[in-house]
C-alpha cells in the first residue's frame, strides 16, 4: 500500500535529521494517513479511502466528499477517487436531464 493520500496526493518527503553536532543524515517525512469512511450523498453509499488528516479537514470545509471531488483536479486524485468523481458527475448529469 503506497503512502499517498488518495484525495490530495500528499506523499512522503525527504530531508535531513540534524544532530546536535550538525551531522545530517537522510530521513523521510511521512504524511499522516488515516483510513476513513466518507458518505457520498449523490451515490447514496459509503466510500472507504486512505487520506491525510489535512484532506479530512478540507473535505469537511468544502461541504462533503461530493463537493470536494467535483472541485478537485483529476491529476491529484488516485484512480479510485477519479472513478468516484466520474460516477458522481454522471449521476448528477442524469439528475439534471430528468429535471428538464
PDB file of N, CA and C in Angstrom:
ATOM      1  N   UNK A   1       0.847  -1.175   0.000  1.00  0.00           N
ATOM      2  CA  UNK A   1       0.000   0.000   0.000  1.00  0.00           C
ATOM      3  C   UNK A   1       0.898   1.245   0.000  1.00  0.00           C
ATOM      4  N   UNK A   2       0.685   2.131  -0.942  1.00  0.00           N
ATOM      5  CA  UNK A   2       1.528   3.314  -1.028  1.00  0.00           C
ATOM      6  C   UNK A   2       1.159   4.324   0.048  1.00  0.00           C
ATOM      7  N   UNK A   3       2.131   5.099   0.429  1.00  0.00           N
ATOM      8  CA  UNK A   3       1.922   6.135   1.440  1.00  0.00           C
ATOM      9  C   UNK A   3       1.584   7.444   0.739  1.00  0.00           C
ATOM     10  N   UNK A   4       0.426   7.445   0.073  1.00  0.00           N
ATOM     11  CA  UNK A   4      -0.003   8.615  -0.667  1.00  0.00           C
ATOM     12  C   UNK A   4      -1.489   8.854  -0.395  1.00  0.00           C
ATOM     13  N   UNK A   5      -1.847  10.081  -0.124  1.00  0.00           N
ATOM     14  CA  UNK A   5      -3.240  10.445   0.120  1.00  0.00           C
ATOM     15  C   UNK A   5      -4.016  10.281  -1.185  1.00  0.00           C
ATOM     16  N   UNK A   6      -5.185   9.648  -1.116  1.00  0.00           N
ATOM     17  CA  UNK A   6      -5.967   9.390  -2.328  1.00  0.00           C
ATOM     18  C   UNK A   6      -6.688  10.630  -2.834  1.00  0.00           C
ATOM     19  N   UNK A   7      -6.809  11.665  -2.015  1.00  0.00           N
ATOM     20  CA  UNK A   7      -7.530  12.863  -2.432  1.00  0.00           C
ATOM     21  C   UNK A   7      -6.614  14.050  -2.738  1.00  0.00           C
ATOM     22  N   UNK A   8      -5.578  14.248  -1.946  1.00  0.00           N
ATOM     23  CA  UNK A   8      -4.721  15.418  -2.140  1.00  0.00           C
ATOM     24  C   UNK A   8      -3.357  15.077  -2.713  1.00  0.00           C
ATOM     25  N   UNK A   9      -3.045  13.800  -2.910  1.00  0.00           N
ATOM     26  CA  UNK A   9      -1.782  13.319  -3.475  1.00  0.00           C
ATOM     27  C   UNK A   9      -0.578  13.683  -2.623  1.00  0.00           C
ATOM     28  N   UNK A  10      -0.781  13.875  -1.318  1.00  0.00           N
ATOM     29  CA  UNK A  10       0.363  14.091  -0.436  1.00  0.00           C
ATOM     30  C   UNK A  10       1.172  12.805  -0.373  1.00  0.00           C
ATOM     31  N   UNK A  11       2.500  12.929  -0.461  1.00  0.00           N
ATOM     32  CA  UNK A  11       3.387  11.776  -0.466  1.00  0.00           C
ATOM     33  C   UNK A  11       4.545  12.033   0.493  1.00  0.00           C
ATOM     34  N   UNK A  12       5.347  11.006   0.785  1.00  0.00           N
ATOM     35  CA  UNK A  12       6.497  11.231   1.660  1.00  0.00           C
ATOM     36  C   UNK A  12       7.474  12.240   1.069  1.00  0.00           C
ATOM     37  N   UNK A  13       8.072  13.034   1.943  1.00  0.00           N
ATOM     38  CA  UNK A  13       9.109  13.974   1.535  1.00  0.00           C
ATOM     39  C   UNK A  13      10.419  13.539   2.173  1.00  0.00           C
ATOM     40  N   UNK A  14      11.528  13.947   1.593  1.00  0.00           N
ATOM     41  CA  UNK A  14      12.818  13.606   2.165  1.00  0.00           C
ATOM     42  C   UNK A  14      13.469  14.854   2.729  1.00  0.00           C
ATOM     43  N   UNK A  15      14.337  14.635   3.700  1.00  0.00           N
ATOM     44  CA  UNK A  15      15.046  15.743   4.318  1.00  0.00           C
ATOM     45  C   UNK A  15      16.185  15.206   5.151  1.00  0.00           C
ATOM     46  N   UNK A  16      16.673  16.042   6.050  1.00  0.00           N
ATOM     47  CA  UNK A  16      17.789  15.665   6.905  1.00  0.00           C
ATOM     48  C   UNK A  16      17.368  15.649   8.362  1.00  0.00           C
ATOM     49  N   UNK A  17      17.871  14.658   9.075  1.00  0.00           N
ATOM     50  CA  UNK A  17      17.808  14.683  10.529  1.00  0.00           C
ATOM     51  C   UNK A  17      19.115  15.329  10.957  1.00  0.00           C
ATOM     52  N   UNK A  18      19.040  16.410  11.706  1.00  0.00           N
ATOM     53  CA  UNK A  18      20.234  17.155  12.072  1.00  0.00           C
ATOM     54  C   UNK A  18      20.517  16.931  13.551  1.00  0.00           C
ATOM     55  N   UNK A  19      21.684  16.404  13.831  1.00  0.00           N
ATOM     56  CA  UNK A  19      22.061  16.134  15.217  1.00  0.00           C
ATOM     57  C   UNK A  19      22.573  17.410  15.893  1.00  0.00           C
ATOM     58  N   UNK A  20      22.858  17.286  17.175  1.00  0.00           N
ATOM     59  CA  UNK A  20      23.373  18.430  17.939  1.00  0.00           C
ATOM     60  C   UNK A  20      24.715  18.896  17.373  1.00  0.00           C
ATOM     61  N   UNK A  21      25.503  17.948  16.853  1.00  0.00           N
ATOM     62  CA  UNK A  21      26.806  18.301  16.281  1.00  0.00           C
ATOM     63  C   UNK A  21      26.702  18.674  14.802  1.00  0.00           C
ATOM     64  N   UNK A  22      25.480  18.869  14.331  1.00  0.00           N
ATOM     65  CA  UNK A  22      25.170  19.329  12.973  1.00  0.00           C
ATOM     66  C   UNK A  22      25.507  18.278  11.903  1.00  0.00           C
ATOM     67  N   UNK A  23      25.467  16.992  12.265  1.00  0.00           N
ATOM     68  CA  UNK A  23      25.641  15.927  11.290  1.00  0.00           C
ATOM     69  C   UNK A  23      24.273  15.665  10.655  1.00  0.00           C
ATOM     70  N   UNK A  24      24.250  15.635   9.341  1.00  0.00           N
ATOM     71  CA  UNK A  24      22.982  15.471   8.624  1.00  0.00           C
ATOM     72  C   UNK A  24      22.877  14.044   8.079  1.00  0.00           C
ATOM     73  N   UNK A  25      21.796  13.369   8.428  1.00  0.00           N
ATOM     74  CA  UNK A  25      21.516  12.045   7.897  1.00  0.00           C
ATOM     75  C   UNK A  25      20.146  12.081   7.236  1.00  0.00           C
ATOM     76  N   UNK A  26      20.011  11.301   6.180  1.00  0.00           N
ATOM     77  CA  UNK A  26      18.752  11.280   5.425  1.00  0.00           C
ATOM     78  C   UNK A  26      17.610  10.727   6.266  1.00  0.00           C
ATOM     79  N   UNK A  27      16.417  11.282   6.075  1.00  0.00           N
ATOM     80  CA  UNK A  27      15.216  10.757   6.711  1.00  0.00           C
ATOM     81  C   UNK A  27      14.016  11.050   5.833  1.00  0.00           C
ATOM     82  N   UNK A  28      12.884  10.422   6.144  1.00  0.00           N
ATOM     83  CA  UNK A  28      11.640  10.623   5.396  1.00  0.00           C
ATOM     84  C   UNK A  28      10.598  11.238   6.302  1.00  0.00           C
ATOM     85  N   UNK A  29       9.869  12.192   5.786  1.00  0.00           N
ATOM     86  CA  UNK A  29       8.727  12.777   6.474  1.00  0.00           C
ATOM     87  C   UNK A  29       7.476  12.150   5.864  1.00  0.00           C
ATOM     88  N   UNK A  30       6.798  11.303   6.624  1.00  0.00           N
ATOM     89  CA  UNK A  30       5.636  10.585   6.097  1.00  0.00           C
ATOM     90  C   UNK A  30       4.359  11.370   6.351  1.00  0.00           C
ATOM     91  N   UNK A  31       3.403  11.338   5.412  1.00  0.00           N
ATOM     92  CA  UNK A  31       2.126  12.015   5.640  1.00  0.00           C
ATOM     93  C   UNK A  31       1.306  11.274   6.696  1.00  0.00           C
ATOM     94  N   UNK A  32       0.477  12.004   7.403  1.00  0.00           N
ATOM     95  CA  UNK A  32      -0.371  11.434   8.447  1.00  0.00           C
ATOM     96  C   UNK A  32      -1.630  10.872   7.786  1.00  0.00           C
ATOM     97  N   UNK A  33      -1.605   9.578   7.448  1.00  0.00           N
ATOM     98  CA  UNK A  33      -2.713   8.956   6.716  1.00  0.00           C
ATOM     99  C   UNK A  33      -3.644   8.194   7.650  1.00  0.00           C
ATOM    100  N   UNK A  34      -4.937   8.246   7.353  1.00  0.00           N
ATOM    101  CA  UNK A  34      -5.956   7.545   8.126  1.00  0.00           C
ATOM    102  C   UNK A  34      -6.901   6.840   7.156  1.00  0.00           C
ATOM    103  N   UNK A  35      -7.425   5.697   7.573  1.00  0.00           N
ATOM    104  CA  UNK A  35      -8.476   5.021   6.811  1.00  0.00           C
ATOM    105  C   UNK A  35      -9.808   5.607   7.267  1.00  0.00           C
ATOM    106  N   UNK A  36     -10.524   6.248   6.349  1.00  0.00           N
ATOM    107  CA  UNK A  36     -11.745   6.977   6.691  1.00  0.00           C
ATOM    108  C   UNK A  36     -12.881   6.515   5.793  1.00  0.00           C
ATOM    109  N   UNK A  37     -14.085   6.449   6.357  1.00  0.00           N
ATOM    110  CA  UNK A  37     -15.280   6.154   5.577  1.00  0.00           C
ATOM    111  C   UNK A  37     -16.052   7.451   5.360  1.00  0.00           C
ATOM    112  N   UNK A  38     -16.168   7.863   4.112  1.00  0.00           N
ATOM    113  CA  UNK A  38     -16.934   9.051   3.751  1.00  0.00           C
ATOM    114  C   UNK A  38     -18.295   8.623   3.228  1.00  0.00           C
ATOM    115  N   UNK A  39     -19.275   9.509   3.335  1.00  0.00           N
ATOM    116  CA  UNK A  39     -20.613   9.246   2.825  1.00  0.00           C
ATOM    117  C   UNK A  39     -20.824  10.091   1.573  1.00  0.00           C
ATOM    118  N   UNK A  40     -21.135   9.431   0.469  1.00  0.00           N
ATOM    119  CA  UNK A  40     -21.436  10.137  -0.770  1.00  0.00           C
ATOM    120  C   UNK A  40     -22.952  10.318  -0.858  1.00  0.00           C
ATOM    121  N   UNK A  41     -23.401  11.572  -0.832  1.00  0.00           N
ATOM    122  CA  UNK A  41     -24.838  11.866  -0.899  1.00  0.00           C
ATOM    123  C   UNK A  41     -25.403  11.554  -2.282  1.00  0.00           C
ATOM    124  N   UNK A  42     -24.660  11.866  -3.320  1.00  0.00           N
ATOM    125  CA  UNK A  42     -25.129  11.646  -4.687  1.00  0.00           C
ATOM    126  C   UNK A  42     -25.252  10.161  -5.004  1.00  0.00           C
ATOM    127  N   UNK A  43     -24.220   9.391  -4.643  1.00  0.00           N
ATOM    128  CA  UNK A  43     -24.238   7.954  -4.939  1.00  0.00           C
ATOM    129  C   UNK A  43     -25.050   7.169  -3.923  1.00  0.00           C
ATOM    130  N   UNK A  44     -25.261   7.735  -2.747  1.00  0.00           N
ATOM    131  CA  UNK A  44     -26.044   7.076  -1.716  1.00  0.00           C
ATOM    132  C   UNK A  44     -25.358   5.879  -1.091  1.00  0.00           C
ATOM    133  N   UNK A  45     -24.028   5.955  -0.929  1.00  0.00           N
ATOM    134  CA  UNK A  45     -23.298   4.849  -0.316  1.00  0.00           C
ATOM    135  C   UNK A  45     -22.059   5.368   0.408  1.00  0.00           C
ATOM    136  N   UNK A  46     -21.466   4.474   1.207  1.00  0.00           N
ATOM    137  CA  UNK A  46     -20.250   4.802   1.931  1.00  0.00           C
ATOM    138  C   UNK A  46     -19.037   4.475   1.072  1.00  0.00           C
ATOM    139  N   UNK A  47     -17.970   5.276   1.249  1.00  0.00           N
ATOM    140  CA  UNK A  47     -16.747   5.085   0.487  1.00  0.00           C
ATOM    141  C   UNK A  47     -15.574   5.100   1.462  1.00  0.00           C
ATOM    142  N   UNK A  48     -14.767   4.022   1.442  1.00  0.00           N
ATOM    143  CA  UNK A  48     -13.570   3.959   2.294  1.00  0.00           C
ATOM    144  C   UNK A  48     -12.365   4.437   1.501  1.00  0.00           C
ATOM    145  N   UNK A  49     -11.650   5.424   2.054  1.00  0.00           N
ATOM    146  CA  UNK A  49     -10.461   5.950   1.403  1.00  0.00           C
ATOM    147  C   UNK A  49      -9.340   6.096   2.422  1.00  0.00           C
ATOM    148  N   UNK A  50      -8.098   6.083   1.949  1.00  0.00           N
ATOM    149  CA  UNK A  50      -6.942   6.323   2.809  1.00  0.00           C
ATOM    150  C   UNK A  50      -6.458   7.735   2.514  1.00  0.00           C
ATOM    151  N   UNK A  51      -6.753   8.651   3.428  1.00  0.00           N
ATOM    152  CA  UNK A  51      -6.473  10.067   3.193  1.00  0.00           C
ATOM    153  C   UNK A  51      -5.689  10.668   4.356  1.00  0.00           C
ATOM    154  N   UNK A  52      -5.087  11.822   4.096  1.00  0.00           N
ATOM    155  CA  UNK A  52      -4.358  12.539   5.134  1.00  0.00           C
ATOM    156  C   UNK A  52      -5.344  13.284   6.029  1.00  0.00           C
ATOM    157  N   UNK A  53      -4.896  13.624   7.216  1.00  0.00           N
ATOM    158  CA  UNK A  53      -5.771  14.356   8.134  1.00  0.00           C
ATOM    159  C   UNK A  53      -6.090  15.740   7.583  1.00  0.00           C
ATOM    160  N   UNK A  54      -5.177  16.302   6.825  1.00  0.00           N
ATOM    161  CA  UNK A  54      -5.436  17.589   6.187  1.00  0.00           C
ATOM    162  C   UNK A  54      -6.571  17.460   5.163  1.00  0.00           C
ATOM    163  N   UNK A  55      -6.624  16.349   4.447  1.00  0.00           N
ATOM    164  CA  UNK A  55      -7.686  16.129   3.461  1.00  0.00           C
ATOM    165  C   UNK A  55      -9.041  15.960   4.143  1.00  0.00           C
ATOM    166  N   UNK A  56      -9.058  15.345   5.330  1.00  0.00           N
ATOM    167  CA  UNK A  56     -10.314  15.196   6.073  1.00  0.00           C
ATOM    168  C   UNK A  56     -10.880  16.563   6.409  1.00  0.00           C
ATOM    169  N   UNK A  57     -10.016  17.469   6.863  1.00  0.00           N
ATOM    170  CA  UNK A  57     -10.443  18.836   7.176  1.00  0.00           C
ATOM    171  C   UNK A  57     -10.957  19.547   5.932  1.00  0.00           C
ATOM    172  N   UNK A  58     -10.261  19.363   4.814  1.00  0.00           N
ATOM    173  CA  UNK A  58     -10.644  20.032   3.575  1.00  0.00           C
ATOM    174  C   UNK A  58     -11.977  19.521   3.055  1.00  0.00           C
ATOM    175  N   UNK A  59     -12.199  18.214   3.125  1.00  0.00           N
ATOM    176  CA  UNK A  59     -13.482  17.634   2.694  1.00  0.00           C
ATOM    177  C   UNK A  59     -14.612  18.217   3.543  1.00  0.00           C
ATOM    178  N   UNK A  60     -14.396  18.306   4.828  1.00  0.00           N
ATOM    179  CA  UNK A  60     -15.408  18.865   5.730  1.00  0.00           C
ATOM    180  C   UNK A  60     -15.659  20.337   5.418  1.00  0.00           C
ATOM    181  N   UNK A  61     -14.592  21.076   5.125  1.00  0.00           N
ATOM    182  CA  UNK A  61     -14.712  22.511   4.851  1.00  0.00           C
ATOM    183  C   UNK A  61     -15.470  22.784   3.545  1.00  0.00           C
ATOM    184  N   UNK A  62     -15.246  21.932   2.541  1.00  0.00           N
ATOM    185  CA  UNK A  62     -15.889  22.138   1.237  1.00  0.00           C
ATOM    186  C   UNK A  62     -17.308  21.605   1.176  1.00  0.00           C
ATOM    187  N   UNK A  63     -17.768  20.943   2.229  1.00  0.00           N
ATOM    188  CA  UNK A  63     -19.159  20.520   2.264  1.00  0.00           C
ATOM    189  C   UNK A  63     -19.407  19.073   1.906  1.00  0.00           C
ATOM    190  N   UNK A  64     -18.442  18.215   2.115  1.00  0.00           N
ATOM    191  CA  UNK A  64     -18.651  16.800   1.876  1.00  0.00           C
ATOM    192  C   UNK A  64     -17.797  16.261   0.746  1.00  0.00           C
ATOM    193  N   UNK A  65     -17.833  14.945   0.617  1.00  0.00           N
ATOM    194  CA  UNK A  65     -16.998  14.265  -0.370  1.00  0.00           C
ATOM    195  C   UNK A  65     -17.382  14.644  -1.799  1.00  0.00           C
ATOM    196  N   UNK A  66     -18.666  14.732  -2.079  1.00  0.00           N
ATOM    197  CA  UNK A  66     -19.108  15.041  -3.442  1.00  0.00           C
ATOM    198  C   UNK A  66     -18.606  16.411  -3.898  1.00  0.00           C
ATOM    199  N   UNK A  67     -18.758  17.411  -3.045  1.00  0.00           N
ATOM    200  CA  UNK A  67     -18.313  18.761  -3.385  1.00  0.00           C
ATOM    201  C   UNK A  67     -16.801  18.808  -3.555  1.00  0.00           C
ATOM    202  N   UNK A  68     -16.088  18.082  -2.698  1.00  0.00           N
ATOM    203  CA  UNK A  68     -14.623  18.059  -2.799  1.00  0.00           C
ATOM    204  C   UNK A  68     -14.182  17.450  -4.122  1.00  0.00           C
ATOM    205  N   UNK A  69     -14.755  16.299  -4.471  1.00  0.00           N
ATOM    206  CA  UNK A  69     -14.337  15.612  -5.697  1.00  0.00           C
ATOM    207  C   UNK A  69     -14.691  16.407  -6.946  1.00  0.00           C
ATOM    208  N   UNK A  70     -15.839  17.064  -6.959  1.00  0.00           N
ATOM    209  CA  UNK A  70     -16.228  17.843  -8.130  1.00  0.00           C
ATOM    210  C   UNK A  70     -15.296  19.027  -8.342  1.00  0.00           C
ATOM    211  N   UNK A  71     -14.736  19.573  -7.258  1.00  0.00           N
ATOM    212  CA  UNK A  71     -13.862  20.736  -7.356  1.00  0.00           C
ATOM    213  C   UNK A  71     -12.401  20.341  -7.567  1.00  0.00           C
ATOM    214  N   UNK A  72     -12.019  19.105  -7.232  1.00  0.00           N
ATOM    215  CA  UNK A  72     -10.622  18.662  -7.295  1.00  0.00           C
ATOM    216  C   UNK A  72     -10.173  18.439  -8.734  1.00  0.00           C
ATOM    217  N   UNK A  73      -8.865  18.626  -8.960  1.00  0.00           N
ATOM    218  CA  UNK A  73      -8.276  18.356 -10.267  1.00  0.00           C
ATOM    219  C   UNK A  73      -8.064  16.848 -10.434  1.00  0.00           C
ATOM    220  N   UNK A  74      -8.250  16.370 -11.631  1.00  0.00           N
ATOM    221  CA  UNK A  74      -8.125  14.935 -11.896  1.00  0.00           C
ATOM    222  C   UNK A  74      -6.697  14.452 -11.722  1.00  0.00           C
ATOM    223  N   UNK A  75      -5.701  15.323 -11.920  1.00  0.00           N
ATOM    224  CA  UNK A  75      -4.299  14.911 -11.807  1.00  0.00           C
ATOM    225  C   UNK A  75      -3.912  14.602 -10.363  1.00  0.00           C
ATOM    226  N   UNK A  76      -4.593  15.204  -9.391  1.00  0.00           N
ATOM    227  CA  UNK A  76      -4.266  14.998  -7.988  1.00  0.00           C
ATOM    228  C   UNK A  76      -4.912  13.747  -7.400  1.00  0.00           C
ATOM    229  N   UNK A  77      -5.980  13.266  -8.009  1.00  0.00           N
ATOM    230  CA  UNK A  77      -6.748  12.168  -7.433  1.00  0.00           C
ATOM    231  C   UNK A  77      -6.163  10.808  -7.796  1.00  0.00           C
ATOM    232  N   UNK A  78      -6.378   9.844  -6.913  1.00  0.00           N
ATOM    233  CA  UNK A  78      -5.971   8.469  -7.184  1.00  0.00           C
ATOM    234  C   UNK A  78      -6.955   7.866  -8.190  1.00  0.00           C
ATOM    235  N   UNK A  79      -6.614   6.735  -8.780  1.00  0.00           N
ATOM    236  CA  UNK A  79      -7.545   6.107  -9.737  1.00  0.00           C
ATOM    237  C   UNK A  79      -8.914   5.794  -9.126  1.00  0.00           C
ATOM    238  N   UNK A  80      -8.948   5.345  -7.860  1.00  0.00           N
ATOM    239  CA  UNK A  80     -10.235   5.056  -7.201  1.00  0.00           C
ATOM    240  C   UNK A  80     -11.052   6.319  -7.006  1.00  0.00           C
ATOM    241  N   UNK A  81     -10.390   7.387  -6.571  1.00  0.00           N
ATOM    242  CA  UNK A  81     -11.085   8.657  -6.355  1.00  0.00           C
ATOM    243  C   UNK A  81     -11.552   9.244  -7.689  1.00  0.00           C
ATOM    244  N   UNK A  82     -10.783   9.031  -8.741  1.00  0.00           N
ATOM    245  CA  UNK A  82     -11.170   9.516 -10.064  1.00  0.00           C
ATOM    246  C   UNK A  82     -12.412   8.782 -10.575  1.00  0.00           C
ATOM    247  N   UNK A  83     -12.499   7.476 -10.304  1.00  0.00           N
ATOM    248  CA  UNK A  83     -13.710   6.722 -10.649  1.00  0.00           C
ATOM    249  C   UNK A  83     -14.925   7.275  -9.916  1.00  0.00           C
ATOM    250  N   UNK A  84     -14.738   7.571  -8.624  1.00  0.00           N
ATOM    251  CA  UNK A  84     -15.835   8.155  -7.837  1.00  0.00           C
ATOM    252  C   UNK A  84     -16.279   9.486  -8.411  1.00  0.00           C
ATOM    253  N   UNK A  85     -15.304  10.313  -8.773  1.00  0.00           N
ATOM    254  CA  UNK A  85     -15.625  11.630  -9.338  1.00  0.00           C
ATOM    255  C   UNK A  85     -16.448  11.483 -10.614  1.00  0.00           C
ATOM    256  N   UNK A  86     -16.034  10.567 -11.478  1.00  0.00           N
ATOM    257  CA  UNK A  86     -16.765  10.358 -12.733  1.00  0.00           C
ATOM    258  C   UNK A  86     -18.168   9.813 -12.486  1.00  0.00           C
ATOM    259  N   UNK A  87     -18.304   8.922 -11.507  1.00  0.00           N
ATOM    260  CA  UNK A  87     -19.619   8.377 -11.180  1.00  0.00           C
ATOM    261  C   UNK A  87     -20.542   9.462 -10.633  1.00  0.00           C
ATOM    262  N   UNK A  88     -19.995  10.349  -9.804  1.00  0.00           N
ATOM    263  CA  UNK A  88     -20.793  11.446  -9.246  1.00  0.00           C
ATOM    264  C   UNK A  88     -21.216  12.403 -10.352  1.00  0.00           C
ATOM    265  N   UNK A  89     -20.270  12.751 -11.255  1.00  0.00           N
ATOM    266  CA  UNK A  89     -20.611  13.643 -12.368  1.00  0.00           C
ATOM    267  C   UNK A  89     -21.686  13.032 -13.258  1.00  0.00           C
ATOM    268  N   UNK A  90     -21.579  11.725 -13.521  1.00  0.00           N
ATOM    269  CA  UNK A  90     -22.552  11.039 -14.369  1.00  0.00           C
ATOM    270  C   UNK A  90     -23.933  11.029 -13.719  1.00  0.00           C
ATOM    271  N   UNK A  91     -23.972  10.744 -12.425  1.00  0.00           N
ATOM    272  CA  UNK A  91     -25.251  10.694 -11.714  1.00  0.00           C
ATOM    273  C   UNK A  91     -25.895  12.076 -11.658  1.00  0.00           C
ATOM    274  N   UNK A  92     -25.073  13.104 -11.409  1.00  0.00           N
ATOM    275  CA  UNK A  92     -25.604  14.472 -11.371  1.00  0.00           C
ATOM    276  C   UNK A  92     -26.107  14.915 -12.739  1.00  0.00           C
ATOM    277  N   UNK A  93     -25.407  14.553 -13.799  1.00  0.00           N
ATOM    278  CA  UNK A  93     -25.848  14.903 -15.153  1.00  0.00           C
ATOM    279  C   UNK A  93     -27.169  14.216 -15.472  1.00  0.00           C
ATOM    280  N   UNK A  94     -27.330  12.974 -15.039  1.00  0.00           N
ATOM    281  CA  UNK A  94     -28.598  12.264 -15.252  1.00  0.00           C
ATOM    282  C   UNK A  94     -29.738  12.901 -14.475  1.00  0.00           C
ATOM    283  N   UNK A  95     -29.443  13.403 -13.287  1.00  0.00           N
ATOM    284  CA  UNK A  95     -30.473  14.071 -12.474  1.00  0.00           C
ATOM    285  C   UNK A  95     -30.865  15.402 -13.116  1.00  0.00           C
ATOM    286  N   UNK A  96     -29.893  16.081 -13.728  1.00  0.00           N
ATOM    287  CA  UNK A  96     -30.195  17.358 -14.401  1.00  0.00           C
ATOM    288  C   UNK A  96     -31.102  17.135 -15.606  1.00  0.00           C
ATOM    289  N   UNK A  97     -30.871  16.069 -16.349  1.00  0.00           N
ATOM    290  CA  UNK A  97     -31.694  15.763 -17.527  1.00  0.00           C
ATOM    291  C   UNK A  97     -33.115  15.416 -17.103  1.00  0.00           C
ATOM    292  N   UNK A  98     -33.277  14.685 -15.997  1.00  0.00           N
ATOM    293  CA  UNK A  98     -34.592  14.312 -15.529  1.00  0.00           C
ATOM    294  C   UNK A  98     -35.397  15.523 -15.072  1.00  0.00           C
ATOM    295  N   UNK A  99     -34.742  16.535 -14.542  1.00  0.00           N
ATOM    296  CA  UNK A  99     -35.442  17.741 -14.076  1.00  0.00           C
ATOM    297  C   UNK A  99     -36.013  18.526 -15.248  1.00  0.00           C
ATOM    298  N   UNK A 100     -35.335  18.482 -16.383  1.00  0.00           N
ATOM    299  CA  UNK A 100     -35.758  19.266 -17.548  1.00  0.00           C
ATOM    300  C   UNK A 100     -36.818  18.531 -18.278  1.00  0.00           C
TER     301      UNK A 100
END
